[in-house]
Amino acid sequence: MAAHFGIDTSILVRLATGDPETGFQYAVRELTKLVERENAEVFASNQVIGEAYIALQHHYGVSKPDARAALTSVLKSGLVAPLNGAGAFAALEAKTGCGLLDRLITDDYQRADLTTLTLDRKMAALPKARRL
C-alpha cells in the first residue's frame, strides 16, 4: 500500500516559485524519491493552497492570475495533487464571482456536508453557501 503525505505551505511555495533554487531542487528531488521509489502520493490541502496563493502575491509580487496558474501547474505536475481533487482545480480556474479563498473554504465545508454561511454576496452565490 502506498504511503500518503500532506505538504505544508513552504513546500508548495518552493515548487511554485523555484526560489530559493537550492530549496526548490531539494524539494523536487525528495518528492520525486517519494513518488517514484516509494510509490507515495503527496497532497496539498485547501488551506495550504490558499496560504501559498497569498504568499505568492504578498512575498513574491505575483499577480492573482499568475499565482493561480503557478499553483495549477504544480498541482498537475505529478509530484503533488490537491487533496480535494477537482474541487481545488475548479476553484483555481474560476475567473468570476468570489475569490479563490472563499471557494476553497466552501469546498472544505461541502466535503463535511455543511452549508457555508457568509455575509459576502458573491460567496453566497456558490453552491451550498448562503447569506446569513
N, C-alpha and C. Protein backbone atom coordinates (compact mmCIF):
# COMPACT_ATOMS: atom_id res chain seq x y z
N MET A 1 0.84 -1.18 0.00
CA MET A 1 0.00 0.00 0.00
C MET A 1 0.88 1.25 0.00
N ALA A 2 0.53 2.22 -0.80
CA ALA A 2 1.30 3.45 -0.94
C ALA A 2 1.16 4.32 0.30
N ALA A 3 2.24 4.99 0.64
CA ALA A 3 2.20 5.96 1.73
C ALA A 3 1.57 7.24 1.20
N HIS A 4 0.92 7.97 2.09
CA HIS A 4 0.29 9.24 1.73
C HIS A 4 0.87 10.34 2.61
N PHE A 5 1.18 11.48 1.97
CA PHE A 5 1.76 12.60 2.67
C PHE A 5 1.02 13.88 2.32
N GLY A 6 1.01 14.81 3.26
CA GLY A 6 0.48 16.15 3.01
C GLY A 6 1.60 17.15 3.19
N ILE A 7 1.76 18.06 2.23
CA ILE A 7 2.83 19.06 2.33
C ILE A 7 2.34 20.31 3.04
N ASP A 8 3.29 21.11 3.49
CA ASP A 8 2.94 22.39 4.07
C ASP A 8 3.14 23.50 3.04
N THR A 9 2.83 24.71 3.43
CA THR A 9 2.87 25.85 2.52
C THR A 9 4.28 26.11 2.00
N SER A 10 5.30 25.94 2.84
CA SER A 10 6.66 26.24 2.40
C SER A 10 7.07 25.39 1.20
N ILE A 11 6.66 24.15 1.17
CA ILE A 11 7.00 23.27 0.04
C ILE A 11 6.25 23.72 -1.21
N LEU A 12 4.96 23.99 -1.09
CA LEU A 12 4.18 24.40 -2.27
C LEU A 12 4.71 25.72 -2.85
N VAL A 13 5.08 26.65 -1.99
CA VAL A 13 5.64 27.92 -2.46
C VAL A 13 6.96 27.68 -3.18
N ARG A 14 7.83 26.82 -2.64
CA ARG A 14 9.10 26.50 -3.31
C ARG A 14 8.85 25.93 -4.71
N LEU A 15 7.89 25.02 -4.79
CA LEU A 15 7.60 24.40 -6.07
C LEU A 15 7.02 25.40 -7.07
N ALA A 16 6.25 26.35 -6.59
CA ALA A 16 5.62 27.33 -7.47
C ALA A 16 6.58 28.42 -7.93
N THR A 17 7.57 28.74 -7.08
CA THR A 17 8.46 29.86 -7.39
C THR A 17 9.84 29.43 -7.87
N GLY A 18 10.28 28.26 -7.44
CA GLY A 18 11.66 27.85 -7.72
C GLY A 18 12.66 28.62 -6.87
N ASP A 19 12.17 29.31 -5.84
CA ASP A 19 13.01 30.18 -5.03
C ASP A 19 12.94 29.79 -3.56
N PRO A 20 14.05 29.68 -2.87
CA PRO A 20 15.39 29.71 -3.40
C PRO A 20 15.69 28.44 -4.21
N GLU A 21 16.59 28.57 -5.14
CA GLU A 21 16.84 27.46 -6.07
C GLU A 21 17.28 26.19 -5.35
N THR A 22 18.12 26.31 -4.33
CA THR A 22 18.56 25.11 -3.61
C THR A 22 17.39 24.45 -2.89
N GLY A 23 16.50 25.24 -2.31
CA GLY A 23 15.32 24.70 -1.65
C GLY A 23 14.37 24.06 -2.64
N PHE A 24 14.23 24.68 -3.80
CA PHE A 24 13.40 24.12 -4.87
C PHE A 24 13.95 22.77 -5.34
N GLN A 25 15.24 22.73 -5.63
CA GLN A 25 15.86 21.49 -6.12
C GLN A 25 15.75 20.38 -5.08
N TYR A 26 15.97 20.73 -3.82
CA TYR A 26 15.85 19.75 -2.75
C TYR A 26 14.42 19.19 -2.67
N ALA A 27 13.43 20.09 -2.70
CA ALA A 27 12.03 19.65 -2.61
C ALA A 27 11.67 18.75 -3.78
N VAL A 28 12.06 19.13 -4.98
CA VAL A 28 11.76 18.30 -6.16
C VAL A 28 12.43 16.94 -6.04
N ARG A 29 13.68 16.93 -5.66
CA ARG A 29 14.43 15.67 -5.54
C ARG A 29 13.79 14.74 -4.50
N GLU A 30 13.48 15.27 -3.35
CA GLU A 30 12.93 14.43 -2.27
C GLU A 30 11.50 13.98 -2.58
N LEU A 31 10.68 14.85 -3.15
CA LEU A 31 9.33 14.45 -3.53
C LEU A 31 9.37 13.40 -4.65
N THR A 32 10.28 13.56 -5.59
CA THR A 32 10.43 12.59 -6.67
C THR A 32 10.79 11.22 -6.11
N LYS A 33 11.68 11.19 -5.13
CA LYS A 33 12.04 9.92 -4.48
C LYS A 33 10.81 9.26 -3.87
N LEU A 34 10.03 10.06 -3.14
CA LEU A 34 8.83 9.52 -2.50
C LEU A 34 7.86 8.96 -3.53
N VAL A 35 7.62 9.72 -4.59
CA VAL A 35 6.62 9.34 -5.59
C VAL A 35 7.11 8.15 -6.42
N GLU A 36 8.35 8.22 -6.90
CA GLU A 36 8.83 7.19 -7.82
C GLU A 36 9.36 5.95 -7.11
N ARG A 37 10.11 6.12 -6.04
CA ARG A 37 10.73 4.96 -5.38
C ARG A 37 9.82 4.29 -4.36
N GLU A 38 9.02 5.10 -3.69
CA GLU A 38 8.15 4.56 -2.64
C GLU A 38 6.70 4.47 -3.06
N ASN A 39 6.42 4.86 -4.31
CA ASN A 39 5.05 4.85 -4.82
C ASN A 39 4.09 5.64 -3.92
N ALA A 40 4.62 6.71 -3.32
CA ALA A 40 3.82 7.53 -2.41
C ALA A 40 2.94 8.50 -3.17
N GLU A 41 1.91 8.97 -2.49
CA GLU A 41 1.05 10.03 -3.01
C GLU A 41 1.22 11.23 -2.10
N VAL A 42 1.40 12.39 -2.69
CA VAL A 42 1.65 13.62 -1.94
C VAL A 42 0.54 14.62 -2.27
N PHE A 43 -0.02 15.22 -1.22
CA PHE A 43 -1.17 16.09 -1.38
C PHE A 43 -0.95 17.47 -0.76
N ALA A 44 -1.69 18.44 -1.28
CA ALA A 44 -1.76 19.79 -0.71
C ALA A 44 -3.21 20.05 -0.35
N SER A 45 -3.45 20.44 0.90
CA SER A 45 -4.81 20.74 1.36
C SER A 45 -5.27 22.08 0.82
N ASN A 46 -6.55 22.33 0.92
CA ASN A 46 -7.09 23.63 0.52
C ASN A 46 -6.45 24.76 1.33
N GLN A 47 -6.18 24.51 2.60
CA GLN A 47 -5.55 25.54 3.43
C GLN A 47 -4.15 25.86 2.90
N VAL A 48 -3.39 24.85 2.56
CA VAL A 48 -2.05 25.06 2.03
C VAL A 48 -2.11 25.79 0.69
N ILE A 49 -3.05 25.41 -0.17
CA ILE A 49 -3.20 26.07 -1.46
C ILE A 49 -3.54 27.55 -1.25
N GLY A 50 -4.45 27.84 -0.34
CA GLY A 50 -4.83 29.22 -0.06
C GLY A 50 -3.69 30.03 0.52
N GLU A 51 -2.95 29.45 1.46
CA GLU A 51 -1.81 30.16 2.04
C GLU A 51 -0.74 30.43 0.98
N ALA A 52 -0.49 29.45 0.12
CA ALA A 52 0.51 29.63 -0.93
C ALA A 52 0.07 30.73 -1.90
N TYR A 53 -1.20 30.77 -2.22
CA TYR A 53 -1.76 31.80 -3.11
C TYR A 53 -1.48 33.20 -2.54
N ILE A 54 -1.72 33.37 -1.26
CA ILE A 54 -1.47 34.66 -0.61
C ILE A 54 0.03 34.95 -0.55
N ALA A 55 0.84 33.95 -0.20
CA ALA A 55 2.29 34.15 -0.12
C ALA A 55 2.88 34.54 -1.47
N LEU A 56 2.40 33.92 -2.54
CA LEU A 56 2.92 34.25 -3.87
C LEU A 56 2.65 35.72 -4.20
N GLN A 57 1.49 36.21 -3.82
CA GLN A 57 1.15 37.61 -4.10
C GLN A 57 1.92 38.59 -3.21
N HIS A 58 1.93 38.31 -1.91
CA HIS A 58 2.46 39.29 -0.96
C HIS A 58 3.98 39.24 -0.80
N HIS A 59 4.56 38.06 -0.93
CA HIS A 59 6.01 37.95 -0.73
C HIS A 59 6.80 37.91 -2.02
N TYR A 60 6.14 37.54 -3.11
CA TYR A 60 6.84 37.42 -4.40
C TYR A 60 6.31 38.37 -5.46
N GLY A 61 5.27 39.13 -5.15
CA GLY A 61 4.72 40.10 -6.09
C GLY A 61 4.06 39.50 -7.32
N VAL A 62 3.59 38.27 -7.19
CA VAL A 62 2.94 37.56 -8.30
C VAL A 62 1.49 38.02 -8.40
N SER A 63 1.00 38.26 -9.60
CA SER A 63 -0.40 38.65 -9.79
C SER A 63 -1.32 37.48 -9.44
N LYS A 64 -2.59 37.79 -9.18
CA LYS A 64 -3.55 36.73 -8.87
C LYS A 64 -3.65 35.69 -9.98
N PRO A 65 -3.80 36.11 -11.25
CA PRO A 65 -3.87 35.10 -12.32
C PRO A 65 -2.60 34.26 -12.43
N ASP A 66 -1.44 34.89 -12.26
CA ASP A 66 -0.18 34.14 -12.34
C ASP A 66 -0.01 33.20 -11.15
N ALA A 67 -0.48 33.63 -9.98
CA ALA A 67 -0.42 32.76 -8.80
C ALA A 67 -1.30 31.53 -9.01
N ARG A 68 -2.49 31.75 -9.54
CA ARG A 68 -3.39 30.62 -9.82
C ARG A 68 -2.76 29.67 -10.84
N ALA A 69 -2.16 30.24 -11.89
CA ALA A 69 -1.53 29.42 -12.93
C ALA A 69 -0.36 28.63 -12.37
N ALA A 70 0.46 29.26 -11.53
CA ALA A 70 1.61 28.57 -10.94
C ALA A 70 1.17 27.42 -10.05
N LEU A 71 0.15 27.66 -9.23
CA LEU A 71 -0.34 26.60 -8.35
C LEU A 71 -0.97 25.47 -9.14
N THR A 72 -1.73 25.81 -10.17
CA THR A 72 -2.32 24.78 -11.02
C THR A 72 -1.24 23.93 -11.66
N SER A 73 -0.19 24.57 -12.14
CA SER A 73 0.91 23.85 -12.78
C SER A 73 1.56 22.86 -11.81
N VAL A 74 1.84 23.32 -10.60
CA VAL A 74 2.45 22.44 -9.59
C VAL A 74 1.52 21.28 -9.27
N LEU A 75 0.23 21.58 -9.11
CA LEU A 75 -0.73 20.54 -8.71
C LEU A 75 -1.06 19.56 -9.83
N LYS A 76 -0.64 19.88 -11.04
CA LYS A 76 -0.80 18.95 -12.16
C LYS A 76 0.53 18.30 -12.56
N SER A 77 1.58 18.58 -11.80
CA SER A 77 2.93 18.13 -12.14
C SER A 77 3.17 16.64 -11.95
N GLY A 78 2.37 16.03 -11.11
CA GLY A 78 2.60 14.62 -10.80
C GLY A 78 3.35 14.43 -9.49
N LEU A 79 3.91 15.49 -8.95
CA LEU A 79 4.59 15.39 -7.65
C LEU A 79 3.62 15.62 -6.51
N VAL A 80 2.70 16.56 -6.68
CA VAL A 80 1.75 16.94 -5.64
C VAL A 80 0.38 17.08 -6.29
N ALA A 81 -0.63 16.60 -5.59
CA ALA A 81 -2.01 16.72 -6.08
C ALA A 81 -2.84 17.44 -5.02
N PRO A 82 -3.91 18.11 -5.43
CA PRO A 82 -4.77 18.73 -4.42
C PRO A 82 -5.53 17.66 -3.65
N LEU A 83 -5.55 17.77 -2.35
CA LEU A 83 -6.24 16.80 -1.50
C LEU A 83 -7.70 16.67 -1.90
N ASN A 84 -8.32 17.78 -2.28
CA ASN A 84 -9.74 17.76 -2.63
C ASN A 84 -9.97 17.63 -4.13
N GLY A 85 -8.95 17.27 -4.87
CA GLY A 85 -9.08 16.95 -6.28
C GLY A 85 -9.70 18.03 -7.13
N ALA A 86 -10.75 17.65 -7.86
CA ALA A 86 -11.38 18.53 -8.84
C ALA A 86 -11.91 19.82 -8.21
N GLY A 87 -12.33 19.78 -6.97
CA GLY A 87 -12.84 20.98 -6.31
C GLY A 87 -11.78 22.07 -6.23
N ALA A 88 -10.55 21.69 -5.94
CA ALA A 88 -9.46 22.67 -5.87
C ALA A 88 -9.15 23.22 -7.25
N PHE A 89 -9.15 22.35 -8.26
CA PHE A 89 -8.89 22.82 -9.62
C PHE A 89 -10.00 23.76 -10.09
N ALA A 90 -11.24 23.45 -9.75
CA ALA A 90 -12.35 24.33 -10.13
C ALA A 90 -12.19 25.70 -9.48
N ALA A 91 -11.77 25.72 -8.22
CA ALA A 91 -11.56 26.99 -7.52
C ALA A 91 -10.43 27.79 -8.17
N LEU A 92 -9.36 27.11 -8.53
CA LEU A 92 -8.21 27.78 -9.16
C LEU A 92 -8.55 28.33 -10.56
N GLU A 93 -9.45 27.66 -11.25
CA GLU A 93 -9.78 28.04 -12.62
C GLU A 93 -10.88 29.09 -12.72
N ALA A 94 -11.65 29.31 -11.66
CA ALA A 94 -12.76 30.26 -11.69
C ALA A 94 -12.24 31.68 -11.92
N LYS A 95 -12.89 32.39 -12.81
CA LYS A 95 -12.45 33.74 -13.17
C LYS A 95 -13.39 34.84 -12.67
N THR A 96 -14.62 34.49 -12.33
CA THR A 96 -15.59 35.49 -11.90
C THR A 96 -16.18 35.09 -10.55
N GLY A 97 -16.90 36.01 -9.96
CA GLY A 97 -17.53 35.74 -8.67
C GLY A 97 -16.57 35.95 -7.53
N CYS A 98 -16.73 35.17 -6.49
CA CYS A 98 -15.90 35.35 -5.30
C CYS A 98 -14.47 34.87 -5.56
N GLY A 99 -13.62 35.13 -4.60
CA GLY A 99 -12.21 34.82 -4.74
C GLY A 99 -11.86 33.37 -4.45
N LEU A 100 -10.60 33.05 -4.70
CA LEU A 100 -10.10 31.69 -4.52
C LEU A 100 -10.27 31.19 -3.09
N LEU A 101 -9.91 32.01 -2.12
CA LEU A 101 -10.01 31.55 -0.73
C LEU A 101 -11.46 31.23 -0.34
N ASP A 102 -12.40 32.07 -0.77
CA ASP A 102 -13.81 31.79 -0.49
C ASP A 102 -14.23 30.46 -1.11
N ARG A 103 -13.75 30.19 -2.30
CA ARG A 103 -14.09 28.93 -2.97
C ARG A 103 -13.48 27.73 -2.25
N LEU A 104 -12.25 27.88 -1.79
CA LEU A 104 -11.60 26.79 -1.06
C LEU A 104 -12.28 26.53 0.28
N ILE A 105 -12.69 27.60 0.95
CA ILE A 105 -13.41 27.45 2.22
C ILE A 105 -14.72 26.70 2.00
N THR A 106 -15.48 27.12 1.01
CA THR A 106 -16.77 26.49 0.71
C THR A 106 -16.57 25.03 0.31
N ASP A 107 -15.53 24.75 -0.45
CA ASP A 107 -15.23 23.37 -0.85
C ASP A 107 -14.97 22.49 0.37
N ASP A 108 -14.21 23.00 1.33
CA ASP A 108 -13.96 22.23 2.56
C ASP A 108 -15.25 21.95 3.31
N TYR A 109 -16.09 22.95 3.47
CA TYR A 109 -17.35 22.75 4.18
C TYR A 109 -18.27 21.78 3.44
N GLN A 110 -18.29 21.86 2.12
CA GLN A 110 -19.12 20.93 1.35
C GLN A 110 -18.69 19.49 1.60
N ARG A 111 -17.40 19.25 1.71
CA ARG A 111 -16.88 17.90 1.95
C ARG A 111 -17.32 17.36 3.30
N ALA A 112 -17.61 18.26 4.23
CA ALA A 112 -18.12 17.87 5.54
C ALA A 112 -19.64 17.91 5.58
N ASP A 113 -20.26 18.07 4.41
CA ASP A 113 -21.70 18.16 4.26
C ASP A 113 -22.30 19.31 5.05
N LEU A 114 -21.59 20.45 5.02
CA LEU A 114 -22.05 21.65 5.69
C LEU A 114 -22.37 22.73 4.68
N THR A 115 -23.31 23.58 5.01
CA THR A 115 -23.61 24.75 4.20
C THR A 115 -22.78 25.91 4.76
N THR A 116 -22.13 26.63 3.88
CA THR A 116 -21.32 27.77 4.29
C THR A 116 -22.22 28.97 4.53
N LEU A 117 -22.06 29.60 5.68
CA LEU A 117 -22.75 30.85 5.98
C LEU A 117 -21.78 32.00 5.79
N THR A 118 -22.24 33.05 5.17
CA THR A 118 -21.37 34.18 4.87
C THR A 118 -22.16 35.48 4.83
N LEU A 119 -21.47 36.57 4.99
CA LEU A 119 -22.07 37.89 4.79
C LEU A 119 -21.76 38.41 3.39
N ASP A 120 -20.91 37.69 2.67
CA ASP A 120 -20.47 38.11 1.35
C ASP A 120 -21.45 37.65 0.27
N ARG A 121 -21.95 38.60 -0.52
CA ARG A 121 -22.93 38.31 -1.57
C ARG A 121 -22.38 37.33 -2.61
N LYS A 122 -21.14 37.56 -3.06
CA LYS A 122 -20.56 36.70 -4.10
C LYS A 122 -20.33 35.28 -3.58
N MET A 123 -19.85 35.16 -2.37
CA MET A 123 -19.62 33.84 -1.80
C MET A 123 -20.95 33.10 -1.62
N ALA A 124 -21.98 33.83 -1.23
CA ALA A 124 -23.30 33.23 -1.02
C ALA A 124 -23.89 32.64 -2.29
N ALA A 125 -23.37 33.07 -3.44
CA ALA A 125 -23.87 32.55 -4.71
C ALA A 125 -23.30 31.18 -5.04
N LEU A 126 -22.30 30.73 -4.30
CA LEU A 126 -21.71 29.40 -4.55
C LEU A 126 -22.67 28.30 -4.12
N PRO A 127 -22.56 27.12 -4.71
CA PRO A 127 -23.39 26.00 -4.26
C PRO A 127 -23.12 25.70 -2.77
N LYS A 128 -24.15 25.35 -2.06
CA LYS A 128 -24.07 25.01 -0.63
C LYS A 128 -23.53 26.16 0.20
N ALA A 129 -23.83 27.38 -0.22
CA ALA A 129 -23.48 28.57 0.56
C ALA A 129 -24.72 29.46 0.63
N ARG A 130 -24.86 30.15 1.73
CA ARG A 130 -25.98 31.08 1.83
C ARG A 130 -25.61 32.27 2.70
N ARG A 131 -26.28 33.35 2.39
CA ARG A 131 -26.03 34.59 3.11
C ARG A 131 -26.73 34.55 4.45
N LEU A 132 -26.01 34.92 5.48
CA LEU A 132 -26.55 34.94 6.83
C LEU A 132 -27.57 36.04 7.00
